[in-house]
Amino acid sequence: MKISISLPDELVHYVDDRVENRSRLIEGLLQAWRKQQEKQAMVEACLLLDELSNDEDAAWQQAAIIDWEVSG
């Protein structure tokens, strides 16, 4: 798919002086950005699971203490 974006002239000149294919550069940068975003989402999901797991562990520990105290 073709798209159109606006960039400052100086940035276009900078890119043109350094790469042969602007589209390939932008595609590579966007792919890297997408991977980083996906990785960050996975980190956040893992942290949330860890937090839920810790809450669950605390509840189990509290229940075990209560059971132990009641059974005396």
PDB file of N, CA and C in Angstrom:
ATOM      1  N   MET A   1       0.843  -1.169   0.000  1.00  0.00           N
ATOM      2  CA  MET A   1       0.000   0.000   0.000  1.00  0.00           C
ATOM      3  C   MET A   1       0.895   1.240   0.000  1.00  0.00           C
ATOM      4  N   LYS A   2       0.481   2.203  -0.734  1.00  0.00           N
ATOM      5  CA  LYS A   2       1.222   3.466  -0.756  1.00  0.00           C
ATOM      6  C   LYS A   2       0.523   4.469   0.154  1.00  0.00           C
ATOM      7  N   ILE A   3       1.353   5.241   0.870  1.00  0.00           N
ATOM      8  CA  ILE A   3       0.835   6.322   1.710  1.00  0.00           C
ATOM      9  C   ILE A   3       1.669   7.572   1.437  1.00  0.00           C
ATOM     10  N   SER A   4       1.188   8.670   1.907  1.00  0.00           N
ATOM     11  CA  SER A   4       1.915   9.923   1.773  1.00  0.00           C
ATOM     12  C   SER A   4       2.114  10.509   3.166  1.00  0.00           C
ATOM     13  N   ILE A   5       3.338  10.944   3.440  1.00  0.00           N
ATOM     14  CA  ILE A   5       3.634  11.604   4.713  1.00  0.00           C
ATOM     15  C   ILE A   5       4.380  12.901   4.430  1.00  0.00           C
ATOM     16  N   SER A   6       4.296  13.805   5.359  1.00  0.00           N
ATOM     17  CA  SER A   6       5.017  15.077   5.235  1.00  0.00           C
ATOM     18  C   SER A   6       6.185  15.069   6.204  1.00  0.00           C
ATOM     19  N   LEU A   7       7.358  15.427   5.690  1.00  0.00           N
ATOM     20  CA  LEU A   7       8.572  15.508   6.494  1.00  0.00           C
ATOM     21  C   LEU A   7       9.292  16.807   6.163  1.00  0.00           C
ATOM     22  N   PRO A   8      10.037  17.326   7.118  1.00  0.00           N
ATOM     23  CA  PRO A   8      10.840  18.524   6.825  1.00  0.00           C
ATOM     24  C   PRO A   8      11.891  18.208   5.754  1.00  0.00           C
ATOM     25  N   ASP A   9      12.165  19.190   4.910  1.00  0.00           N
ATOM     26  CA  ASP A   9      13.142  19.014   3.830  1.00  0.00           C
ATOM     27  C   ASP A   9      14.484  18.510   4.346  1.00  0.00           C
ATOM     28  N   GLU A  10      14.947  19.085   5.459  1.00  0.00           N
ATOM     29  CA  GLU A  10      16.270  18.703   5.982  1.00  0.00           C
ATOM     30  C   GLU A  10      16.321  17.226   6.364  1.00  0.00           C
ATOM     31  N   LEU A  11      15.208  16.691   6.868  1.00  0.00           N
ATOM     32  CA  LEU A  11      15.175  15.273   7.231  1.00  0.00           C
ATOM     33  C   LEU A  11      15.185  14.397   5.982  1.00  0.00           C
ATOM     34  N   VAL A  12      14.461  14.783   4.980  1.00  0.00           N
ATOM     35  CA  VAL A  12      14.452  14.025   3.717  1.00  0.00           C
ATOM     36  C   VAL A  12      15.845  14.027   3.099  1.00  0.00           C
ATOM     37  N   HIS A  13      16.508  15.170   3.106  1.00  0.00           N
ATOM     38  CA  HIS A  13      17.871  15.247   2.555  1.00  0.00           C
ATOM     39  C   HIS A  13      18.827  14.367   3.369  1.00  0.00           C
ATOM     40  N   TYR A  14      18.686  14.397   4.669  1.00  0.00           N
ATOM     41  CA  TYR A  14      19.529  13.565   5.546  1.00  0.00           C
ATOM     42  C   TYR A  14      19.361  12.090   5.195  1.00  0.00           C
ATOM     43  N   VAL A  15      18.116  11.656   5.078  1.00  0.00           N
ATOM     44  CA  VAL A  15      17.838  10.256   4.748  1.00  0.00           C
ATOM     45  C   VAL A  15      18.371   9.920   3.361  1.00  0.00           C
ATOM     46  N   ASP A  16      18.103  10.779   2.400  1.00  0.00           N
ATOM     47  CA  ASP A  16      18.549  10.520   1.033  1.00  0.00           C
ATOM     48  C   ASP A  16      20.068  10.416   0.921  1.00  0.00           C
ATOM     49  N   ASP A  17      20.790  11.133   1.763  1.00  0.00           N
ATOM     50  CA  ASP A  17      22.252  11.061   1.744  1.00  0.00           C
ATOM     51  C   ASP A  17      22.772   9.748   2.330  1.00  0.00           C
ATOM     52  N   ARG A  18      21.917   9.021   3.039  1.00  0.00           N
ATOM     53  CA  ARG A  18      22.401   7.850   3.776  1.00  0.00           C
ATOM     54  C   ARG A  18      21.803   6.509   3.351  1.00  0.00           C
ATOM     55  N   VAL A  19      20.679   6.515   2.685  1.00  0.00           N
ATOM     56  CA  VAL A  19      20.060   5.245   2.272  1.00  0.00           C
ATOM     57  C   VAL A  19      19.656   5.309   0.809  1.00  0.00           C
ATOM     58  N   GLU A  20      19.553   4.129   0.213  1.00  0.00           N
ATOM     59  CA  GLU A  20      19.141   4.067  -1.188  1.00  0.00           C
ATOM     60  C   GLU A  20      17.619   4.026  -1.324  1.00  0.00           C
ATOM     61  N   ASN A  21      16.946   3.501  -0.303  1.00  0.00           N
ATOM     62  CA  ASN A  21      15.505   3.299  -0.424  1.00  0.00           C
ATOM     63  C   ASN A  21      14.803   3.821   0.825  1.00  0.00           C
ATOM     64  N   ARG A  22      14.164   4.974   0.708  1.00  0.00           N
ATOM     65  CA  ARG A  22      13.451   5.565   1.849  1.00  0.00           C
ATOM     66  C   ARG A  22      12.366   4.636   2.383  1.00  0.00           C
ATOM     67  N   SER A  23      11.633   4.054   1.481  1.00  0.00           N
ATOM     68  CA  SER A  23      10.520   3.190   1.894  1.00  0.00           C
ATOM     69  C   SER A  23      11.012   2.013   2.728  1.00  0.00           C
ATOM     70  N   ARG A  24      12.108   1.425   2.319  1.00  0.00           N
ATOM     71  CA  ARG A  24      12.658   0.285   3.062  1.00  0.00           C
ATOM     72  C   ARG A  24      13.107   0.729   4.457  1.00  0.00           C
ATOM     73  N   LEU A  25      13.705   1.913   4.557  1.00  0.00           N
ATOM     74  CA  LEU A  25      14.119   2.444   5.856  1.00  0.00           C
ATOM     75  C   LEU A  25      12.900   2.651   6.763  1.00  0.00           C
ATOM     76  N   ILE A  26      11.895   3.304   6.240  1.00  0.00           N
ATOM     77  CA  ILE A  26      10.697   3.570   7.047  1.00  0.00           C
ATOM     78  C   ILE A  26      10.011   2.271   7.440  1.00  0.00           C
ATOM     79  N   GLU A  27       9.942   1.319   6.513  1.00  0.00           N
ATOM     80  CA  GLU A  27       9.348   0.026   6.839  1.00  0.00           C
ATOM     81  C   GLU A  27      10.119  -0.660   7.964  1.00  0.00           C
ATOM     82  N   GLY A  28      11.441  -0.653   7.882  1.00  0.00           N
ATOM     83  CA  GLY A  28      12.265  -1.269   8.928  1.00  0.00           C
ATOM     84  C   GLY A  28      12.082  -0.589  10.278  1.00  0.00           C
ATOM     85  N   LEU A  29      12.029   0.735  10.259  1.00  0.00           N
ATOM     86  CA  LEU A  29      11.827   1.476  11.507  1.00  0.00           C
ATOM     87  C   LEU A  29      10.458   1.179  12.115  1.00  0.00           C
ATOM     88  N   LEU A  30       9.437   1.108  11.283  1.00  0.00           N
ATOM     89  CA  LEU A  30       8.093   0.809  11.791  1.00  0.00           C
ATOM     90  C   LEU A  30       7.997  -0.627  12.298  1.00  0.00           C
ATOM     91  N   GLN A  31       8.665  -1.563  11.629  1.00  0.00           N
ATOM     92  CA  GLN A  31       8.677  -2.951  12.106  1.00  0.00           C
ATOM     93  C   GLN A  31       9.351  -3.032  13.480  1.00  0.00           C
ATOM     94  N   ALA A  32      10.465  -2.341  13.630  1.00  0.00           N
ATOM     95  CA  ALA A  32      11.169  -2.331  14.918  1.00  0.00           C
ATOM     96  C   ALA A  32      10.296  -1.694  15.994  1.00  0.00           C
ATOM     97  N   TRP A  33       9.620  -0.608  15.655  1.00  0.00           N
ATOM     98  CA  TRP A  33       8.732   0.065  16.608  1.00  0.00           C
ATOM     99  C   TRP A  33       7.587  -0.856  17.016  1.00  0.00           C
ATOM    100  N   ARG A  34       7.006  -1.572  16.037  1.00  0.00           N
ATOM    101  CA  ARG A  34       5.921  -2.500  16.348  1.00  0.00           C
ATOM    102  C   ARG A  34       6.406  -3.604  17.292  1.00  0.00           C
ATOM    103  N   LYS A  35       7.571  -4.159  17.021  1.00  0.00           N
ATOM    104  CA  LYS A  35       8.122  -5.195  17.906  1.00  0.00           C
ATOM    105  C   LYS A  35       8.317  -4.659  19.320  1.00  0.00           C
ATOM    106  N   GLN A  36       8.817  -3.440  19.423  1.00  0.00           N
ATOM    107  CA  GLN A  36       9.030  -2.831  20.734  1.00  0.00           C
ATOM    108  C   GLN A  36       7.702  -2.641  21.449  1.00  0.00           C
ATOM    109  N   GLN A  37       6.678  -2.215  20.733  1.00  0.00           N
ATOM    110  CA  GLN A  37       5.355  -2.026  21.326  1.00  0.00           C
ATOM    111  C   GLN A  37       4.776  -3.356  21.801  1.00  0.00           C
ATOM    112  N   GLU A  38       4.932  -4.397  20.991  1.00  0.00           N
ATOM    113  CA  GLU A  38       4.441  -5.723  21.365  1.00  0.00           C
ATOM    114  C   GLU A  38       5.192  -6.263  22.582  1.00  0.00           C
ATOM    115  N   LYS A  39       6.497  -6.043  22.601  1.00  0.00           N
ATOM    116  CA  LYS A  39       7.307  -6.480  23.742  1.00  0.00           C
ATOM    117  C   LYS A  39       6.867  -5.765  25.015  1.00  0.00           C
ATOM    118  N   GLN A  40       6.621  -4.465  24.918  1.00  0.00           N
ATOM    119  CA  GLN A  40       6.177  -3.688  26.072  1.00  0.00           C
ATOM    120  C   GLN A  40       4.827  -4.180  26.565  1.00  0.00           C
ATOM    121  N   ALA A  41       3.937  -4.511  25.639  1.00  0.00           N
ATOM    122  CA  ALA A  41       2.625  -5.036  26.020  1.00  0.00           C
ATOM    123  C   ALA A  41       2.769  -6.375  26.745  1.00  0.00           C
ATOM    124  N   MET A  42       3.697  -7.210  26.292  1.00  0.00           N
ATOM    125  CA  MET A  42       3.937  -8.490  26.957  1.00  0.00           C
ATOM    126  C   MET A  42       4.500  -8.282  28.362  1.00  0.00           C
ATOM    127  N   VAL A  43       5.418  -7.340  28.507  1.00  0.00           N
ATOM    128  CA  VAL A  43       5.987  -7.036  29.827  1.00  0.00           C
ATOM    129  C   VAL A  43       4.887  -6.585  30.779  1.00  0.00           C
ATOM    130  N   GLU A  44       4.026  -5.692  30.300  1.00  0.00           N
ATOM    131  CA  GLU A  44       2.939  -5.192  31.144  1.00  0.00           C
ATOM    132  C   GLU A  44       1.976  -6.319  31.516  1.00  0.00           C
ATOM    133  N   ALA A  45       1.688  -7.217  30.577  1.00  0.00           N
ATOM    134  CA  ALA A  45       0.803  -8.349  30.866  1.00  0.00           C
ATOM    135  C   ALA A  45       1.445  -9.280  31.895  1.00  0.00           C
ATOM    136  N   CYS A  46       2.731  -9.529  31.769  1.00  0.00           N
ATOM    137  CA  CYS A  46       3.434 -10.387  32.734  1.00  0.00           C
ATOM    138  C   CYS A  46       3.443  -9.756  34.127  1.00  0.00           C
ATOM    139  N   LEU A  47       3.669  -8.458  34.179  1.00  0.00           N
ATOM    140  CA  LEU A  47       3.646  -7.779  35.474  1.00  0.00           C
ATOM    141  C   LEU A  47       2.268  -7.860  36.110  1.00  0.00           C
ATOM    142  N   LEU A  48       1.230  -7.729  35.311  1.00  0.00           N
ATOM    143  CA  LEU A  48      -0.128  -7.846  35.827  1.00  0.00           C
ATOM    144  C   LEU A  48      -0.396  -9.258  36.336  1.00  0.00           C
ATOM    145  N   LEU A  49       0.051 -10.260  35.586  1.00  0.00           N
ATOM    146  CA  LEU A  49      -0.117 -11.647  36.034  1.00  0.00           C
ATOM    147  C   LEU A  49       0.643 -11.900  37.323  1.00  0.00           C
ATOM    148  N   ASP A  50       1.858 -11.359  37.422  1.00  0.00           N
ATOM    149  CA  ASP A  50       2.633 -11.506  38.654  1.00  0.00           C
ATOM    150  C   ASP A  50       1.896 -10.874  39.831  1.00  0.00           C
ATOM    151  N   GLU A  51       1.322  -9.708  39.605  1.00  0.00           N
ATOM    152  CA  GLU A  51       0.592  -9.021  40.667  1.00  0.00           C
ATOM    153  C   GLU A  51      -0.624  -9.837  41.098  1.00  0.00           C
ATOM    154  N   LEU A  52      -1.348 -10.376  40.126  1.00  0.00           N
ATOM    155  CA  LEU A  52      -2.510 -11.211  40.448  1.00  0.00           C
ATOM    156  C   LEU A  52      -2.080 -12.475  41.181  1.00  0.00           C
ATOM    157  N   SER A  53      -0.975 -13.053  40.749  1.00  0.00           N
ATOM    158  CA  SER A  53      -0.464 -14.263  41.379  1.00  0.00           C
ATOM    159  C   SER A  53      -0.053 -13.985  42.823  1.00  0.00           C
ATOM    160  N   ASN A  54       0.591 -12.846  43.050  1.00  0.00           N
ATOM    161  CA  ASN A  54       1.003 -12.479  44.407  1.00  0.00           C
ATOM    162  C   ASN A  54      -0.207 -12.274  45.303  1.00  0.00           C
ATOM    163  N   ASP A  55      -1.262 -11.652  44.777  1.00  0.00           N
ATOM    164  CA  ASP A  55      -2.490 -11.473  45.553  1.00  0.00           C
ATOM    165  C   ASP A  55      -3.105 -12.820  45.901  1.00  0.00           C
ATOM    166  N   GLU A  56      -3.080 -13.731  44.948  1.00  0.00           N
ATOM    167  CA  GLU A  56      -3.627 -15.071  45.163  1.00  0.00           C
ATOM    168  C   GLU A  56      -2.804 -15.823  46.212  1.00  0.00           C
ATOM    169  N   ASP A  57      -1.483 -15.717  46.121  1.00  0.00           N
ATOM    170  CA  ASP A  57      -0.599 -16.368  47.095  1.00  0.00           C
ATOM    171  C   ASP A  57      -0.858 -15.835  48.504  1.00  0.00           C
ATOM    172  N   ALA A  58      -1.036 -14.536  48.623  1.00  0.00           N
ATOM    173  CA  ALA A  58      -1.295 -13.933  49.925  1.00  0.00           C
ATOM    174  C   ALA A  58      -2.622 -14.439  50.494  1.00  0.00           C
ATOM    175  N   ALA A  59      -3.625 -14.576  49.633  1.00  0.00           N
ATOM    176  CA  ALA A  59      -4.923 -15.083  50.085  1.00  0.00           C
ATOM    177  C   ALA A  59      -4.799 -16.528  50.564  1.00  0.00           C
ATOM    178  N   TRP A  60      -4.043 -17.342  49.824  1.00  0.00           N
ATOM    179  CA  TRP A  60      -3.838 -18.739  50.241  1.00  0.00           C
ATOM    180  C   TRP A  60      -3.092 -18.804  51.577  1.00  0.00           C
ATOM    181  N   GLN A  61      -2.082 -17.968  51.724  1.00  0.00           N
ATOM    182  CA  GLN A  61      -1.320 -17.963  52.970  1.00  0.00           C
ATOM    183  C   GLN A  61      -2.196 -17.543  54.146  1.00  0.00           C
ATOM    184  N   GLN A  62      -3.016 -16.534  53.938  1.00  0.00           N
ATOM    185  CA  GLN A  62      -3.914 -16.073  54.994  1.00  0.00           C
ATOM    186  C   GLN A  62      -4.910 -17.174  55.364  1.00  0.00           C
ATOM    187  N   ALA A  63      -5.443 -17.862  54.365  1.00  0.00           N
ATOM    188  CA  ALA A  63      -6.394 -18.947  54.628  1.00  0.00           C
ATOM    189  C   ALA A  63      -5.712 -20.077  55.392  1.00  0.00           C
ATOM    190  N   ALA A  64      -4.474 -20.390  55.037  1.00  0.00           N
ATOM    191  CA  ALA A  64      -3.751 -21.458  55.745  1.00  0.00           C
ATOM    192  C   ALA A  64      -3.500 -21.072  57.188  1.00  0.00           C
ATOM    193  N   ILE A  65      -3.164 -19.825  57.452  1.00  0.00           N
ATOM    194  CA  ILE A  65      -2.928 -19.365  58.832  1.00  0.00           C
ATOM    195  C   ILE A  65      -4.226 -19.472  59.631  1.00  0.00           C
ATOM    196  N   ILE A  66      -5.318 -19.035  59.029  1.00  0.00           N
ATOM    197  CA  ILE A  66      -6.615 -19.101  59.730  1.00  0.00           C
ATOM    198  C   ILE A  66      -6.973 -20.563  60.026  1.00  0.00           C
ATOM    199  N   ASP A  67      -6.803 -21.432  59.028  1.00  0.00           N
ATOM    200  CA  ASP A  67      -7.102 -22.859  59.233  1.00  0.00           C
ATOM    201  C   ASP A  67      -6.232 -23.429  60.343  1.00  0.00           C
ATOM    202  N   TRP A  68      -4.952 -23.067  60.370  1.00  0.00           N
ATOM    203  CA  TRP A  68      -4.039 -23.574  61.381  1.00  0.00           C
ATOM    204  C   TRP A  68      -4.446 -23.078  62.754  1.00  0.00           C
ATOM    205  N   GLU A  69      -4.813 -21.791  62.857  1.00  0.00           N
ATOM    206  CA  GLU A  69      -5.218 -21.232  64.144  1.00  0.00           C
ATOM    207  C   GLU A  69      -6.507 -21.869  64.643  1.00  0.00           C
ATOM    208  N   VAL A  70      -7.455 -22.103  63.747  1.00  0.00           N
ATOM    209  CA  VAL A  70      -8.731 -22.685  64.137  1.00  0.00           C
ATOM    210  C   VAL A  70      -8.551 -24.141  64.566  1.00  0.00           C
ATOM    211  N   SER A  71      -7.704 -24.872  63.863  1.00  0.00           N
ATOM    212  CA  SER A  71      -7.525 -26.282  64.190  1.00  0.00           C
ATOM    213  C   SER A  71      -6.626 -26.489  65.402  1.00  0.00           C
ATOM    214  N   GLY A  72      -5.964 -25.404  65.781  1.00  0.00           N
ATOM    215  CA  GLY A  72      -5.194 -25.315  66.974  1.00  0.00           C
ATOM    216  C   GLY A  72      -4.155 -26.251  67.255  1.00  0.00           C
TER     217      GLY A  72
END
